[in-house]
C-alpha atoms as a PDB file:
ATOM      1  CA  MET A   1     -16.684  16.876 -74.541  1.00  0.00           C
ATOM      2  CA  ILE A   2     -17.923  17.680 -71.042  1.00  0.00           C
ATOM      3  CA  VAL A   3     -17.980  15.214 -68.130  1.00  0.00           C
ATOM      4  CA  ARG A   4     -20.433  16.123 -65.396  1.00  0.00           C
ATOM      5  CA  LYS A   5     -22.543  14.653 -62.623  1.00  0.00           C
ATOM      6  CA  GLY A   6     -25.664  13.124 -64.078  1.00  0.00           C
ATOM      7  CA  ILE A   7     -29.141  14.438 -63.382  1.00  0.00           C
ATOM      8  CA  LYS A   8     -32.516  12.734 -63.397  1.00  0.00           C
ATOM      9  CA  GLU A   9     -33.352  14.167 -66.826  1.00  0.00           C
ATOM     10  CA  ASP A  10     -30.355  12.285 -68.302  1.00  0.00           C
ATOM     11  CA  ILE A  11     -31.833   8.878 -67.499  1.00  0.00           C
ATOM     12  CA  PRO A  12     -33.606   8.191 -70.846  1.00  0.00           C
ATOM     13  CA  GLN A  13     -30.335   8.714 -72.757  1.00  0.00           C
ATOM     14  CA  VAL A  14     -28.430   6.712 -70.126  1.00  0.00           C
ATOM     15  CA  LEU A  15     -30.798   3.785 -70.602  1.00  0.00           C
ATOM     16  CA  ASP A  16     -30.175   4.020 -74.356  1.00  0.00           C
ATOM     17  CA  LEU A  17     -26.428   3.665 -73.672  1.00  0.00           C
ATOM     18  CA  ILE A  18     -27.074   0.704 -71.371  1.00  0.00           C
ATOM     19  CA  LYS A  19     -29.047  -0.956 -74.153  1.00  0.00           C
ATOM     20  CA  GLU A  20     -26.289  -0.149 -76.666  1.00  0.00           C
ATOM     21  CA  LEU A  21     -23.809  -1.956 -74.407  1.00  0.00           C
ATOM     22  CA  ALA A  22     -26.167  -4.906 -73.974  1.00  0.00           C
ATOM     23  CA  GLU A  23     -26.654  -5.136 -77.728  1.00  0.00           C
ATOM     24  CA  TYR A  24     -22.861  -5.096 -78.210  1.00  0.00           C
ATOM     25  CA  GLU A  25     -22.619  -7.964 -75.677  1.00  0.00           C
ATOM     26  CA  LYS A  26     -25.443  -9.800 -77.516  1.00  0.00           C
ATOM     27  CA  ALA A  27     -27.552  -9.657 -74.357  1.00  0.00           C
ATOM     28  CA  LEU A  28     -30.174  -6.991 -75.081  1.00  0.00           C
ATOM     29  CA  ASP A  29     -32.909  -9.420 -74.045  1.00  0.00           C
ATOM     30  CA  GLN A  30     -31.417  -9.464 -70.527  1.00  0.00           C
ATOM     31  CA  VAL A  31     -31.939  -5.733 -69.892  1.00  0.00           C
ATOM     32  CA  SER A  32     -34.931  -5.360 -67.595  1.00  0.00           C
ATOM     33  CA  ASN A  33     -34.050  -1.984 -66.092  1.00  0.00           C
ATOM     34  CA  THR A  34     -36.380   0.940 -66.808  1.00  0.00           C
ATOM     35  CA  VAL A  35     -36.252   4.725 -66.770  1.00  0.00           C
ATOM     36  CA  GLU A  36     -38.469   4.720 -63.684  1.00  0.00           C
ATOM     37  CA  ARG A  37     -36.251   2.262 -61.774  1.00  0.00           C
ATOM     38  CA  LEU A  38     -33.064   4.125 -62.714  1.00  0.00           C
ATOM     39  CA  GLU A  39     -34.652   7.417 -61.600  1.00  0.00           C
ATOM     40  CA  ASN A  40     -35.783   5.988 -58.270  1.00  0.00           C
ATOM     41  CA  ASP A  41     -32.554   4.079 -57.557  1.00  0.00           C
ATOM     42  CA  GLY A  42     -30.313   7.026 -58.402  1.00  0.00           C
ATOM     43  CA  PHE A  43     -32.401  10.059 -57.514  1.00  0.00           C
ATOM     44  CA  GLY A  44     -35.061   8.806 -55.094  1.00  0.00           C
ATOM     45  CA  LYS A  45     -35.147   8.923 -51.290  1.00  0.00           C
ATOM     46  CA  SER A  46     -32.221   6.521 -50.802  1.00  0.00           C
ATOM     47  CA  PRO A  47     -29.948   6.604 -53.878  1.00  0.00           C
ATOM     48  CA  VAL A  48     -27.832   3.491 -54.349  1.00  0.00           C
ATOM     49  CA  TYR A  49     -25.624   4.824 -57.123  1.00  0.00           C
ATOM     50  CA  ASP A  50     -24.053   8.004 -58.475  1.00  0.00           C
ATOM     51  CA  LEU A  51     -24.206   8.896 -62.146  1.00  0.00           C
ATOM     52  CA  PHE A  52     -21.669  10.707 -64.288  1.00  0.00           C
ATOM     53  CA  VAL A  53     -22.187  11.497 -67.956  1.00  0.00           C
ATOM     54  CA  ALA A  54     -20.060  12.649 -70.859  1.00  0.00           C
ATOM     55  CA  GLU A  55     -21.692  15.051 -73.309  1.00  0.00           C
ATOM     56  CA  ALA A  56     -20.732  16.089 -76.806  1.00  0.00           C
ATOM     57  CA  GLU A  57     -22.844  18.297 -79.049  1.00  0.00           C
ATOM     58  CA  ASN A  58     -25.651  18.350 -76.430  1.00  0.00           C
ATOM     59  CA  LYS A  59     -25.931  14.547 -76.504  1.00  0.00           C
ATOM     60  CA  ILE A  60     -24.878  12.071 -73.836  1.00  0.00           C
ATOM     61  CA  ILE A  61     -22.164   9.884 -75.358  1.00  0.00           C
ATOM     62  CA  GLY A  62     -20.937   8.181 -72.207  1.00  0.00           C
ATOM     63  CA  MET A  63     -21.930   7.350 -68.671  1.00  0.00           C
ATOM     64  CA  ALA A  64     -20.586   5.803 -65.508  1.00  0.00           C
ATOM     65  CA  ILE A  65     -22.581   4.392 -62.642  1.00  0.00           C
ATOM     66  CA  THR A  66     -20.561   4.275 -59.426  1.00  0.00           C
ATOM     67  CA  PHE A  67     -21.110   3.159 -55.865  1.00  0.00           C
ATOM     68  CA  PHE A  68     -19.034   2.718 -52.730  1.00  0.00           C
ATOM     69  CA  ARG A  69     -18.407  -0.602 -51.094  1.00  0.00           C
ATOM     70  CA  TYR A  70     -16.535  -1.344 -47.938  1.00  0.00           C
ATOM     71  CA  SER A  71     -13.819  -3.977 -47.762  1.00  0.00           C
ATOM     72  CA  THR A  72     -12.816  -5.276 -44.351  1.00  0.00           C
ATOM     73  CA  TRP A  73      -9.238  -5.528 -45.608  1.00  0.00           C
ATOM     74  CA  LYS A  74      -8.944  -2.361 -47.695  1.00  0.00           C
ATOM     75  CA  GLY A  75     -11.584   0.014 -46.371  1.00  0.00           C
ATOM     76  CA  LYS A  76     -13.605   2.210 -48.686  1.00  0.00           C
ATOM     77  CA  ASN A  77     -13.522   1.429 -52.426  1.00  0.00           C
ATOM     78  CA  LEU A  78     -15.220   3.198 -55.297  1.00  0.00           C
ATOM     79  CA  TYR A  79     -16.704   0.787 -57.802  1.00  0.00           C
ATOM     80  CA  ILE A  80     -17.655   1.607 -61.338  1.00  0.00           C
ATOM     81  CA  GLU A  81     -20.534  -0.669 -62.229  1.00  0.00           C
ATOM     82  CA  ASP A  82     -20.446   0.322 -65.848  1.00  0.00           C
ATOM     83  CA  LEU A  83     -18.503   2.797 -67.858  1.00  0.00           C
ATOM     84  CA  VAL A  84     -20.268   2.987 -71.197  1.00  0.00           C
ATOM     85  CA  VAL A  85     -19.118   5.087 -74.106  1.00  0.00           C
ATOM     86  CA  SER A  86     -20.988   5.221 -77.390  1.00  0.00           C
ATOM     87  CA  GLU A  87     -19.180   3.032 -79.920  1.00  0.00           C
ATOM     88  CA  SER A  88     -17.931   5.869 -82.107  1.00  0.00           C
ATOM     89  CA  PHE A  89     -16.106   7.425 -79.117  1.00  0.00           C
ATOM     90  CA  ARG A  90     -14.525   4.295 -77.548  1.00  0.00           C
ATOM     91  CA  ARG A  91     -10.845   3.737 -76.664  1.00  0.00           C
ATOM     92  CA  ILE A  92      -9.878   0.973 -74.165  1.00  0.00           C
ATOM     93  CA  ASN A  93      -6.652   2.708 -72.988  1.00  0.00           C
ATOM     94  CA  PHE A  94      -8.862   5.094 -70.975  1.00  0.00           C
ATOM     95  CA  TYR A  95      -8.953   2.543 -68.128  1.00  0.00           C
ATOM     96  CA  LYS A  96      -5.188   2.103 -68.086  1.00  0.00           C
ATOM     97  CA  LYS A  97      -4.607   5.866 -67.854  1.00  0.00           C
ATOM     98  CA  LEU A  98      -6.657   5.883 -64.632  1.00  0.00           C
ATOM     99  CA  ASN A  99      -4.527   3.083 -63.114  1.00  0.00           C
ATOM    100  CA  MET A 100      -7.568   0.848 -62.745  1.00  0.00           C
ATOM    101  CA  THR A 101      -7.329  -2.847 -61.973  1.00  0.00           C
ATOM    102  CA  LEU A 102      -8.995  -4.797 -64.781  1.00  0.00           C
ATOM    103  CA  ASP A 103     -10.804  -8.124 -64.546  1.00  0.00           C
ATOM    104  CA  ASN A 104      -9.960 -10.070 -67.705  1.00  0.00           C
ATOM    105  CA  GLU A 105     -13.405 -11.626 -68.058  1.00  0.00           C
ATOM    106  CA  TRP A 106     -15.812  -8.648 -67.811  1.00  0.00           C
ATOM    107  CA  ILE A 107     -13.339  -5.768 -67.583  1.00  0.00           C
ATOM    108  CA  ASN A 108     -14.504  -5.065 -64.036  1.00  0.00           C
ATOM    109  CA  CYS A 109     -12.608  -2.184 -62.498  1.00  0.00           C
ATOM    110  CA  TYR A 110     -12.162  -0.741 -59.061  1.00  0.00           C
ATOM    111  CA  LEU A 111     -10.376   2.296 -57.769  1.00  0.00           C
ATOM    112  CA  ASP A 112      -8.667   1.906 -54.373  1.00  0.00           C
ATOM    113  CA  LEU A 113      -9.247   5.219 -52.606  1.00  0.00           C
ATOM    114  CA  ASN A 114      -6.720   4.351 -49.894  1.00  0.00           C
ATOM    115  CA  GLU A 115      -3.696   4.376 -52.203  1.00  0.00           C
ATOM    116  CA  ASN A 116      -1.926   7.628 -52.970  1.00  0.00           C
END
């Protein structure tokens, strides 16, 4: 498996993973994002997110969409909007190995860049 920075050409497979997650959450009907919007928002003039993908056998099997936010108390924080791994490759302990703080409801995570 290779983890790398995502490129615009990855977006169709990334959207498939997003839909796989939505289907798992029984919310596929709530996905309104499109290839075009993902391309523009991540690779257009003013990107609002960064994309990382995991590849195995020349297929994208995982993705993470990240963005920075600024906390007046903590400073700069890296947020992972979604970390999606195709069902056959999933293991939840991945988050714990990275020392992420987990939200019990949606498994929201953040990584405090100010801690050593």
